[in-house]
Amino acid sequence: ALPAAMIQNGIAEAAFRVEAENQKYPTFQTREISLE
């Protein structure tokens, strides 16, 4: 669970993107991966 405001205002998404960049991981893609 996480405060809804953090999700709605993009703070949570930004946190994941920044941490990935700090760790020199591949860049996040905004996409759905279908089961197929």
PDB file of all heavy atoms in Angstrom:
ATOM      1  N   ALA A   1       0.844  -1.200   0.000  1.00  0.00           N
ATOM      2  CA  ALA A   1       0.000   0.000   0.000  1.00  0.00           C
ATOM      3  C   ALA A   1       0.881   1.251   0.000  1.00  0.00           C
ATOM      4  O   ALA A   1       1.993   1.243   0.533  1.00  0.00           O
ATOM      5  CB  ALA A   1      -0.902  -0.005   1.228  1.00  0.00           C
ATOM      6  N   LEU A   2       0.376   2.321  -0.628  1.00  0.00           N
ATOM      7  CA  LEU A   2       1.118   3.578  -0.710  1.00  0.00           C
ATOM      8  C   LEU A   2       0.109   4.719  -0.782  1.00  0.00           C
ATOM      9  O   LEU A   2      -0.954   4.570  -1.393  1.00  0.00           O
ATOM     10  CB  LEU A   2       2.012   3.586  -1.959  1.00  0.00           C
ATOM     11  CG  LEU A   2       3.077   4.682  -2.028  1.00  0.00           C
ATOM     12  CD1 LEU A   2       4.208   4.391  -1.039  1.00  0.00           C
ATOM     13  CD2 LEU A   2       3.649   4.795  -3.436  1.00  0.00           C
ATOM     14  N   PRO A   3       0.409   5.855  -0.162  1.00  0.00           N
ATOM     15  CA  PRO A   3      -0.531   6.989  -0.267  1.00  0.00           C
ATOM     16  C   PRO A   3      -0.935   7.254  -1.709  1.00  0.00           C
ATOM     17  O   PRO A   3      -0.077   7.368  -2.602  1.00  0.00           O
ATOM     18  CB  PRO A   3       0.266   8.152   0.327  1.00  0.00           C
ATOM     19  CG  PRO A   3       1.152   7.504   1.346  1.00  0.00           C
ATOM     20  CD  PRO A   3       1.542   6.190   0.724  1.00  0.00           C
ATOM     21  N   ALA A   4      -2.236   7.338  -1.946  1.00  0.00           N
ATOM     22  CA  ALA A   4      -2.748   7.501  -3.308  1.00  0.00           C
ATOM     23  C   ALA A   4      -2.196   8.752  -3.976  1.00  0.00           C
ATOM     24  O   ALA A   4      -1.942   8.765  -5.186  1.00  0.00           O
ATOM     25  CB  ALA A   4      -4.275   7.529  -3.285  1.00  0.00           C
ATOM     26  N   ALA A   5      -1.987   9.814  -3.180  1.00  0.00           N
ATOM     27  CA  ALA A   5      -1.499  11.068  -3.768  1.00  0.00           C
ATOM     28  C   ALA A   5      -0.132  10.880  -4.420  1.00  0.00           C
ATOM     29  O   ALA A   5       0.165  11.503  -5.439  1.00  0.00           O
ATOM     30  CB  ALA A   5      -1.421  12.147  -2.683  1.00  0.00           C
ATOM     31  N   MET A   6       0.715  10.035  -3.842  1.00  0.00           N
ATOM     32  CA  MET A   6       2.033   9.788  -4.422  1.00  0.00           C
ATOM     33  C   MET A   6       1.935   9.127  -5.786  1.00  0.00           C
ATOM     34  O   MET A   6       2.796   9.309  -6.649  1.00  0.00           O
ATOM     35  CB  MET A   6       2.874   8.906  -3.489  1.00  0.00           C
ATOM     36  CG  MET A   6       3.364   9.594  -2.235  1.00  0.00           C
ATOM     37  SD  MET A   6       4.490   8.511  -1.308  1.00  0.00           S
ATOM     38  CE  MET A   6       5.025   9.633  -0.011  1.00  0.00           C
ATOM     39  N   ILE A   7       0.893   8.340  -5.961  1.00  0.00           N
ATOM     40  CA  ILE A   7       0.688   7.676  -7.248  1.00  0.00           C
ATOM     41  C   ILE A   7       0.027   8.635  -8.237  1.00  0.00           C
ATOM     42  O   ILE A   7       0.428   8.736  -9.395  1.00  0.00           O
ATOM     43  CB  ILE A   7      -0.171   6.408  -7.052  1.00  0.00           C
ATOM     44  CG1 ILE A   7       0.585   5.411  -6.158  1.00  0.00           C
ATOM     45  CG2 ILE A   7      -0.528   5.778  -8.400  1.00  0.00           C
ATOM     46  CD1 ILE A   7      -0.228   4.214  -5.740  1.00  0.00           C
ATOM     47  N   GLN A   8      -0.960   9.369  -7.762  1.00  0.00           N
ATOM     48  CA  GLN A   8      -1.708  10.255  -8.650  1.00  0.00           C
ATOM     49  C   GLN A   8      -0.883  11.428  -9.167  1.00  0.00           C
ATOM     50  O   GLN A   8      -1.062  11.871 -10.303  1.00  0.00           O
ATOM     51  CB  GLN A   8      -2.957  10.764  -7.919  1.00  0.00           C
ATOM     52  CG  GLN A   8      -3.973   9.672  -7.653  1.00  0.00           C
ATOM     53  CD  GLN A   8      -4.980  10.049  -6.591  1.00  0.00           C
ATOM     54  OE1 GLN A   8      -4.746  10.963  -5.801  1.00  0.00           O
ATOM     55  NE2 GLN A   8      -6.105   9.336  -6.551  1.00  0.00           N
ATOM     56  N   ASN A   9       0.022  11.942  -8.336  1.00  0.00           N
ATOM     57  CA  ASN A   9       0.810  13.100  -8.781  1.00  0.00           C
ATOM     58  C   ASN A   9       2.153  12.722  -9.406  1.00  0.00           C
ATOM     59  O   ASN A   9       2.975  13.589  -9.691  1.00  0.00           O
ATOM     60  CB  ASN A   9       1.017  14.091  -7.627  1.00  0.00           C
ATOM     61  CG  ASN A   9       1.793  13.471  -6.475  1.00  0.00           C
ATOM     62  OD1 ASN A   9       2.486  12.480  -6.619  1.00  0.00           O
ATOM     63  ND2 ASN A   9       1.661  14.082  -5.298  1.00  0.00           N
ATOM     64  N   GLY A  10       2.400  11.415  -9.578  1.00  0.00           N
ATOM     65  CA  GLY A  10       3.586  10.965 -10.296  1.00  0.00           C
ATOM     66  C   GLY A  10       4.846  10.841  -9.463  1.00  0.00           C
ATOM     67  O   GLY A  10       5.913  10.505  -9.993  1.00  0.00           O
ATOM     68  N   ILE A  11       4.756  11.096  -8.154  1.00  0.00           N
ATOM     69  CA  ILE A  11       5.945  11.008  -7.313  1.00  0.00           C
ATOM     70  C   ILE A  11       6.488   9.578  -7.272  1.00  0.00           C
ATOM     71  O   ILE A  11       7.698   9.350  -7.361  1.00  0.00           O
ATOM     72  CB  ILE A  11       5.625  11.496  -5.880  1.00  0.00           C
ATOM     73  CG1 ILE A  11       5.386  13.001  -5.880  1.00  0.00           C
ATOM     74  CG2 ILE A  11       6.753  11.142  -4.920  1.00  0.00           C
ATOM     75  CD1 ILE A  11       4.990  13.551  -4.520  1.00  0.00           C
ATOM     76  N   ALA A  12       5.604   8.606  -7.152  1.00  0.00           N
ATOM     77  CA  ALA A  12       6.041   7.209  -7.076  1.00  0.00           C
ATOM     78  C   ALA A  12       6.736   6.782  -8.373  1.00  0.00           C
ATOM     79  O   ALA A  12       7.788   6.147  -8.351  1.00  0.00           O
ATOM     80  CB  ALA A  12       4.851   6.299  -6.784  1.00  0.00           C
ATOM     81  N   GLU A  13       6.136   7.150  -9.498  1.00  0.00           N
ATOM     82  CA  GLU A  13       6.745   6.798 -10.783  1.00  0.00           C
ATOM     83  C   GLU A  13       8.128   7.434 -10.914  1.00  0.00           C
ATOM     84  O   GLU A  13       9.098   6.788 -11.334  1.00  0.00           O
ATOM     85  CB  GLU A  13       5.851   7.254 -11.930  1.00  0.00           C
ATOM     86  CG  GLU A  13       6.462   6.982 -13.305  1.00  0.00           C
ATOM     87  CD  GLU A  13       5.594   7.488 -14.444  1.00  0.00           C
ATOM     88  OE1 GLU A  13       4.403   7.788 -14.202  1.00  0.00           O
ATOM     89  OE2 GLU A  13       6.125   7.581 -15.578  1.00  0.00           O
ATOM     90  N   ALA A  14       8.225   8.711 -10.546  1.00  0.00           N
ATOM     91  CA  ALA A  14       9.507   9.401 -10.643  1.00  0.00           C
ATOM     92  C   ALA A  14      10.556   8.733  -9.756  1.00  0.00           C
ATOM     93  O   ALA A  14      11.734   8.638 -10.129  1.00  0.00           O
ATOM     94  CB  ALA A  14       9.336  10.869 -10.241  1.00  0.00           C
ATOM     95  N   ALA A  15      10.143   8.261  -8.581  1.00  0.00           N
ATOM     96  CA  ALA A  15      11.082   7.618  -7.663  1.00  0.00           C
ATOM     97  C   ALA A  15      11.677   6.359  -8.282  1.00  0.00           C
ATOM     98  O   ALA A  15      12.886   6.106  -8.160  1.00  0.00           O
ATOM     99  CB  ALA A  15      10.384   7.283  -6.346  1.00  0.00           C
ATOM    100  N   PHE A  16      10.848   5.566  -8.941  1.00  0.00           N
ATOM    101  CA  PHE A  16      11.360   4.360  -9.594  1.00  0.00           C
ATOM    102  C   PHE A  16      12.301   4.711 -10.745  1.00  0.00           C
ATOM    103  O   PHE A  16      13.349   4.085 -10.914  1.00  0.00           O
ATOM    104  CB  PHE A  16      10.193   3.495 -10.097  1.00  0.00           C
ATOM    105  CG  PHE A  16       9.652   2.553  -9.066  1.00  0.00           C
ATOM    106  CD1 PHE A  16       8.659   2.959  -8.194  1.00  0.00           C
ATOM    107  CD2 PHE A  16      10.141   1.262  -8.957  1.00  0.00           C
ATOM    108  CE1 PHE A  16       8.154   2.101  -7.226  1.00  0.00           C
ATOM    109  CE2 PHE A  16       9.650   0.388  -8.002  1.00  0.00           C
ATOM    110  CZ  PHE A  16       8.654   0.807  -7.129  1.00  0.00           C
ATOM    111  N   ARG A  17      11.933   5.720 -11.510  1.00  0.00           N
ATOM    112  CA  ARG A  17      12.783   6.104 -12.648  1.00  0.00           C
ATOM    113  C   ARG A  17      14.138   6.654 -12.167  1.00  0.00           C
ATOM    114  O   ARG A  17      15.185   6.317 -12.729  1.00  0.00           O
ATOM    115  CB  ARG A  17      12.069   7.154 -13.506  1.00  0.00           C
ATOM    116  CG  ARG A  17      10.858   6.610 -14.273  1.00  0.00           C
ATOM    117  CD  ARG A  17      10.308   7.659 -15.221  1.00  0.00           C
ATOM    118  NE  ARG A  17       9.134   7.210 -15.944  1.00  0.00           N
ATOM    119  CZ  ARG A  17       9.175   6.486 -17.072  1.00  0.00           C
ATOM    120  NH1 ARG A  17      10.340   6.131 -17.576  1.00  0.00           N
ATOM    121  NH2 ARG A  17       8.062   6.129 -17.677  1.00  0.00           N
ATOM    122  N   VAL A  18      14.111   7.472 -11.141  1.00  0.00           N
ATOM    123  CA  VAL A  18      15.352   8.062 -10.630  1.00  0.00           C
ATOM    124  C   VAL A  18      16.258   6.989 -10.027  1.00  0.00           C
ATOM    125  O   VAL A  18      17.466   6.975 -10.254  1.00  0.00           O
ATOM    126  CB  VAL A  18      15.044   9.158  -9.582  1.00  0.00           C
ATOM    127  CG1 VAL A  18      16.317   9.585  -8.849  1.00  0.00           C
ATOM    128  CG2 VAL A  18      14.396  10.358 -10.254  1.00  0.00           C
ATOM    129  N   GLU A  19      15.668   6.080  -9.259  1.00  0.00           N
ATOM    130  CA  GLU A  19      16.484   5.031  -8.645  1.00  0.00           C
ATOM    131  C   GLU A  19      17.110   4.127  -9.708  1.00  0.00           C
ATOM    132  O   GLU A  19      18.260   3.713  -9.583  1.00  0.00           O
ATOM    133  CB  GLU A  19      15.633   4.196  -7.683  1.00  0.00           C
ATOM    134  CG  GLU A  19      16.426   3.194  -6.849  1.00  0.00           C
ATOM    135  CD  GLU A  19      17.328   3.853  -5.826  1.00  0.00           C
ATOM    136  OE1 GLU A  19      17.151   5.061  -5.548  1.00  0.00           O
ATOM    137  OE2 GLU A  19      18.219   3.161  -5.294  1.00  0.00           O
ATOM    138  N   ALA A  20      16.351   3.852 -10.765  1.00  0.00           N
ATOM    139  CA  ALA A  20      16.902   3.049 -11.861  1.00  0.00           C
ATOM    140  C   ALA A  20      18.074   3.765 -12.521  1.00  0.00           C
ATOM    141  O   ALA A  20      19.101   3.154 -12.841  1.00  0.00           O
ATOM    142  CB  ALA A  20      15.815   2.754 -12.895  1.00  0.00           C
ATOM    143  N   GLU A  21      17.930   5.064 -12.690  1.00  0.00           N
ATOM    144  CA  GLU A  21      19.016   5.849 -13.286  1.00  0.00           C
ATOM    145  C   GLU A  21      20.232   5.881 -12.360  1.00  0.00           C
ATOM    146  O   GLU A  21      21.372   5.724 -12.811  1.00  0.00           O
ATOM    147  CB  GLU A  21      18.527   7.274 -13.560  1.00  0.00           C
ATOM    148  CG  GLU A  21      19.564   8.149 -14.263  1.00  0.00           C
ATOM    149  CD  GLU A  21      19.029   9.525 -14.592  1.00  0.00           C
ATOM    150  OE1 GLU A  21      17.792   9.717 -14.498  1.00  0.00           O
ATOM    151  OE2 GLU A  21      19.829  10.404 -14.942  1.00  0.00           O
ATOM    152  N   ASN A  22      19.985   6.034 -11.066  1.00  0.00           N
ATOM    153  CA  ASN A  22      21.090   6.062 -10.106  1.00  0.00           C
ATOM    154  C   ASN A  22      21.843   4.743 -10.081  1.00  0.00           C
ATOM    155  O   ASN A  22      23.065   4.717  -9.889  1.00  0.00           O
ATOM    156  CB  ASN A  22      20.564   6.378  -8.697  1.00  0.00           C
ATOM    157  CG  ASN A  22      20.092   7.808  -8.554  1.00  0.00           C
ATOM    158  OD1 ASN A  22      20.441   8.672  -9.365  1.00  0.00           O
ATOM    159  ND2 ASN A  22      19.291   8.082  -7.537  1.00  0.00           N
ATOM    160  N   GLN A  23      21.122   3.659 -10.262  1.00  0.00           N
ATOM    161  CA  GLN A  23      21.747   2.335 -10.242  1.00  0.00           C
ATOM    162  C   GLN A  23      22.290   1.922 -11.608  1.00  0.00           C
ATOM    163  O   GLN A  23      22.795   0.819 -11.772  1.00  0.00           O
ATOM    164  CB  GLN A  23      20.730   1.284  -9.766  1.00  0.00           C
ATOM    165  CG  GLN A  23      20.202   1.506  -8.364  1.00  0.00           C
ATOM    166  CD  GLN A  23      21.281   1.402  -7.310  1.00  0.00           C
ATOM    167  OE1 GLN A  23      22.253   0.676  -7.483  1.00  0.00           O
ATOM    168  NE2 GLN A  23      21.134   2.139  -6.226  1.00  0.00           N
ATOM    169  N   LYS A  24      22.141   2.836 -12.591  1.00  0.00           N
ATOM    170  CA  LYS A  24      22.616   2.561 -13.961  1.00  0.00           C
ATOM    171  C   LYS A  24      21.930   1.334 -14.564  1.00  0.00           C
ATOM    172  O   LYS A  24      22.529   0.540 -15.291  1.00  0.00           O
ATOM    173  CB  LYS A  24      24.143   2.380 -13.991  1.00  0.00           C
ATOM    174  CG  LYS A  24      24.916   3.642 -13.591  1.00  0.00           C
ATOM    175  CD  LYS A  24      26.411   3.423 -13.695  1.00  0.00           C
ATOM    176  CE  LYS A  24      27.192   4.714 -13.498  1.00  0.00           C
ATOM    177  NZ  LYS A  24      26.923   5.361 -12.211  1.00  0.00           N
ATOM    178  N   TYR A  25      20.643   1.189 -14.252  1.00  0.00           N
ATOM    179  CA  TYR A  25      19.836   0.134 -14.837  1.00  0.00           C
ATOM    180  C   TYR A  25      19.237   0.620 -16.161  1.00  0.00           C
ATOM    181  O   TYR A  25      19.225   1.829 -16.436  1.00  0.00           O
ATOM    182  CB  TYR A  25      18.697  -0.262 -13.892  1.00  0.00           C
ATOM    183  CG  TYR A  25      19.137  -1.034 -12.671  1.00  0.00           C
ATOM    184  CD1 TYR A  25      18.457  -0.900 -11.461  1.00  0.00           C
ATOM    185  CD2 TYR A  25      20.222  -1.913 -12.713  1.00  0.00           C
ATOM    186  CE1 TYR A  25      18.839  -1.610 -10.334  1.00  0.00           C
ATOM    187  CE2 TYR A  25      20.610  -2.625 -11.593  1.00  0.00           C
ATOM    188  CZ  TYR A  25      19.920  -2.469 -10.409  1.00  0.00           C
ATOM    189  OH  TYR A  25      20.299  -3.174  -9.291  1.00  0.00           O
ATOM    190  N   PRO A  26      18.711  -0.289 -16.973  1.00  0.00           N
ATOM    191  CA  PRO A  26      18.040   0.138 -18.207  1.00  0.00           C
ATOM    192  C   PRO A  26      16.878   1.079 -17.902  1.00  0.00           C
ATOM    193  O   PRO A  26      16.283   1.041 -16.821  1.00  0.00           O
ATOM    194  CB  PRO A  26      17.542  -1.190 -18.803  1.00  0.00           C
ATOM    195  CG  PRO A  26      18.460  -2.227 -18.245  1.00  0.00           C
ATOM    196  CD  PRO A  26      18.800  -1.759 -16.863  1.00  0.00           C
ATOM    197  N   THR A  27      16.560   1.938 -18.863  1.00  0.00           N
ATOM    198  CA  THR A  27      15.491   2.920 -18.685  1.00  0.00           C
ATOM    199  C   THR A  27      14.128   2.237 -18.667  1.00  0.00           C
ATOM    200  O   THR A  27      13.860   1.321 -19.457  1.00  0.00           O
ATOM    201  CB  THR A  27      15.530   3.953 -19.822  1.00  0.00           C
ATOM    202  OG1 THR A  27      16.810   4.573 -19.831  1.00  0.00           O
ATOM    203  CG2 THR A  27      14.454   5.001 -19.643  1.00  0.00           C
ATOM    204  N   PHE A  28      13.258   2.693 -17.773  1.00  0.00           N
ATOM    205  CA  PHE A  28      11.892   2.172 -17.730  1.00  0.00           C
ATOM    206  C   PHE A  28      11.130   2.559 -18.997  1.00  0.00           C
ATOM    207  O   PHE A  28      11.293   3.664 -19.524  1.00  0.00           O
ATOM    208  CB  PHE A  28      11.139   2.736 -16.521  1.00  0.00           C
ATOM    209  CG  PHE A  28      11.311   1.945 -15.261  1.00  0.00           C
ATOM    210  CD1 PHE A  28      11.994   2.479 -14.181  1.00  0.00           C
ATOM    211  CD2 PHE A  28      10.776   0.670 -15.145  1.00  0.00           C
ATOM    212  CE1 PHE A  28      12.136   1.764 -13.002  1.00  0.00           C
ATOM    213  CE2 PHE A  28      10.905  -0.060 -13.972  1.00  0.00           C
ATOM    214  CZ  PHE A  28      11.597   0.487 -12.903  1.00  0.00           C
ATOM    215  N   GLN A  29      10.299   1.649 -19.461  1.00  0.00           N
ATOM    216  CA  GLN A  29       9.381   1.916 -20.564  1.00  0.00           C
ATOM    217  C   GLN A  29       7.958   1.959 -20.011  1.00  0.00           C
ATOM    218  O   GLN A  29       7.587   1.131 -19.179  1.00  0.00           O
ATOM    219  CB  GLN A  29       9.481   0.811 -21.630  1.00  0.00           C
ATOM    220  CG  GLN A  29      10.866   0.622 -22.218  1.00  0.00           C
ATOM    221  CD  GLN A  29      10.925  -0.587 -23.142  1.00  0.00           C
ATOM    222  OE1 GLN A  29       9.906  -1.220 -23.442  1.00  0.00           O
ATOM    223  NE2 GLN A  29      12.130  -0.924 -23.599  1.00  0.00           N
ATOM    224  N   THR A  30       7.177   2.939 -20.464  1.00  0.00           N
ATOM    225  CA  THR A  30       5.767   2.988 -20.082  1.00  0.00           C
ATOM    226  C   THR A  30       5.001   2.081 -21.035  1.00  0.00           C
ATOM    227  O   THR A  30       4.794   2.420 -22.199  1.00  0.00           O
ATOM    228  CB  THR A  30       5.216   4.422 -20.174  1.00  0.00           C
ATOM    229  OG1 THR A  30       6.005   5.278 -19.327  1.00  0.00           O
ATOM    230  CG2 THR A  30       3.767   4.471 -19.735  1.00  0.00           C
ATOM    231  N   ARG A  31       4.627   0.930 -20.551  1.00  0.00           N
ATOM    232  CA  ARG A  31       3.946  -0.016 -21.434  1.00  0.00           C
ATOM    233  C   ARG A  31       3.328  -1.144 -20.625  1.00  0.00           C
ATOM    234  O   ARG A  31       3.674  -1.373 -19.471  1.00  0.00           O
ATOM    235  CB  ARG A  31       4.915  -0.619 -22.451  1.00  0.00           C
ATOM    236  CG  ARG A  31       6.051  -1.438 -21.840  1.00  0.00           C
ATOM    237  CD  ARG A  31       6.870  -2.145 -22.919  1.00  0.00           C
ATOM    238  NE  ARG A  31       6.056  -3.075 -23.662  1.00  0.00           N
ATOM    239  CZ  ARG A  31       6.468  -3.713 -24.753  1.00  0.00           C
ATOM    240  NH1 ARG A  31       7.685  -3.464 -25.231  1.00  0.00           N
ATOM    241  NH2 ARG A  31       5.695  -4.559 -25.377  1.00  0.00           N
ATOM    242  N   GLU A  32       2.387  -1.806 -21.220  1.00  0.00           N
ATOM    243  CA  GLU A  32       1.816  -3.031 -20.679  1.00  0.00           C
ATOM    244  C   GLU A  32       2.426  -4.209 -21.433  1.00  0.00           C
ATOM    245  O   GLU A  32       2.659  -4.129 -22.638  1.00  0.00           O
ATOM    246  CB  GLU A  32       0.293  -3.051 -20.855  1.00  0.00           C
ATOM    247  CG  GLU A  32      -0.450  -2.056 -19.984  1.00  0.00           C
ATOM    248  CD  GLU A  32      -0.522  -2.501 -18.536  1.00  0.00           C
ATOM    249  OE1 GLU A  32      -0.226  -3.688 -18.262  1.00  0.00           O
ATOM    250  OE2 GLU A  32      -0.859  -1.667 -17.680  1.00  0.00           O
ATOM    251  N   ILE A  33       2.705  -5.257 -20.720  1.00  0.00           N
ATOM    252  CA  ILE A  33       3.132  -6.499 -21.380  1.00  0.00           C
ATOM    253  C   ILE A  33       1.975  -7.466 -21.279  1.00  0.00           C
ATOM    254  O   ILE A  33       1.622  -7.922 -20.189  1.00  0.00           O
ATOM    255  CB  ILE A  33       4.377  -7.106 -20.704  1.00  0.00           C
ATOM    256  CG1 ILE A  33       5.540  -6.131 -20.701  1.00  0.00           C
ATOM    257  CG2 ILE A  33       4.791  -8.386 -21.410  1.00  0.00           C
ATOM    258  CD1 ILE A  33       6.781  -6.676 -20.023  1.00  0.00           C
ATOM    259  N   SER A  34       1.358  -7.737 -22.396  1.00  0.00           N
ATOM    260  CA  SER A  34       0.236  -8.669 -22.378  1.00  0.00           C
ATOM    261  C   SER A  34       0.750 -10.073 -22.094  1.00  0.00           C
ATOM    262  O   SER A  34       1.921 -10.393 -22.326  1.00  0.00           O
ATOM    263  CB  SER A  34      -0.506  -8.648 -23.716  1.00  0.00           C
ATOM    264  OG  SER A  34       0.326  -9.162 -24.742  1.00  0.00           O
ATOM    265  N   LEU A  35      -0.119 -10.898 -21.587  1.00  0.00           N
ATOM    266  CA  LEU A  35       0.266 -12.283 -21.307  1.00  0.00           C
ATOM    267  C   LEU A  35       0.773 -12.974 -22.567  1.00  0.00           C
ATOM    268  O   LEU A  35       1.737 -13.740 -22.536  1.00  0.00           O
ATOM    269  CB  LEU A  35      -0.932 -13.037 -20.717  1.00  0.00           C
ATOM    270  CG  LEU A  35      -0.711 -14.526 -20.424  1.00  0.00           C
ATOM    271  CD1 LEU A  35       0.435 -14.713 -19.434  1.00  0.00           C
ATOM    272  CD2 LEU A  35      -1.988 -15.156 -19.889  1.00  0.00           C
ATOM    273  N   GLU A  36       0.148 -12.645 -23.694  1.00  0.00           N
ATOM    274  CA  GLU A  36       0.498 -13.319 -24.933  1.00  0.00           C
ATOM    275  C   GLU A  36       1.936 -13.043 -25.378  1.00  0.00           C
ATOM    276  O   GLU A  36       2.580 -13.890 -25.979  1.00  0.00           O
ATOM    277  CB  GLU A  36      -0.470 -12.904 -26.059  1.00  0.00           C
ATOM    278  CG  GLU A  36      -1.898 -13.413 -25.890  1.00  0.00           C
ATOM    279  CD  GLU A  36      -2.680 -12.604 -24.857  1.00  0.00           C
ATOM    280  OE1 GLU A  36      -2.174 -11.545 -24.410  1.00  0.00           O
ATOM    281  OE2 GLU A  36      -3.787 -13.032 -24.490  1.00  0.00           O
TER     282      GLU A  36
END
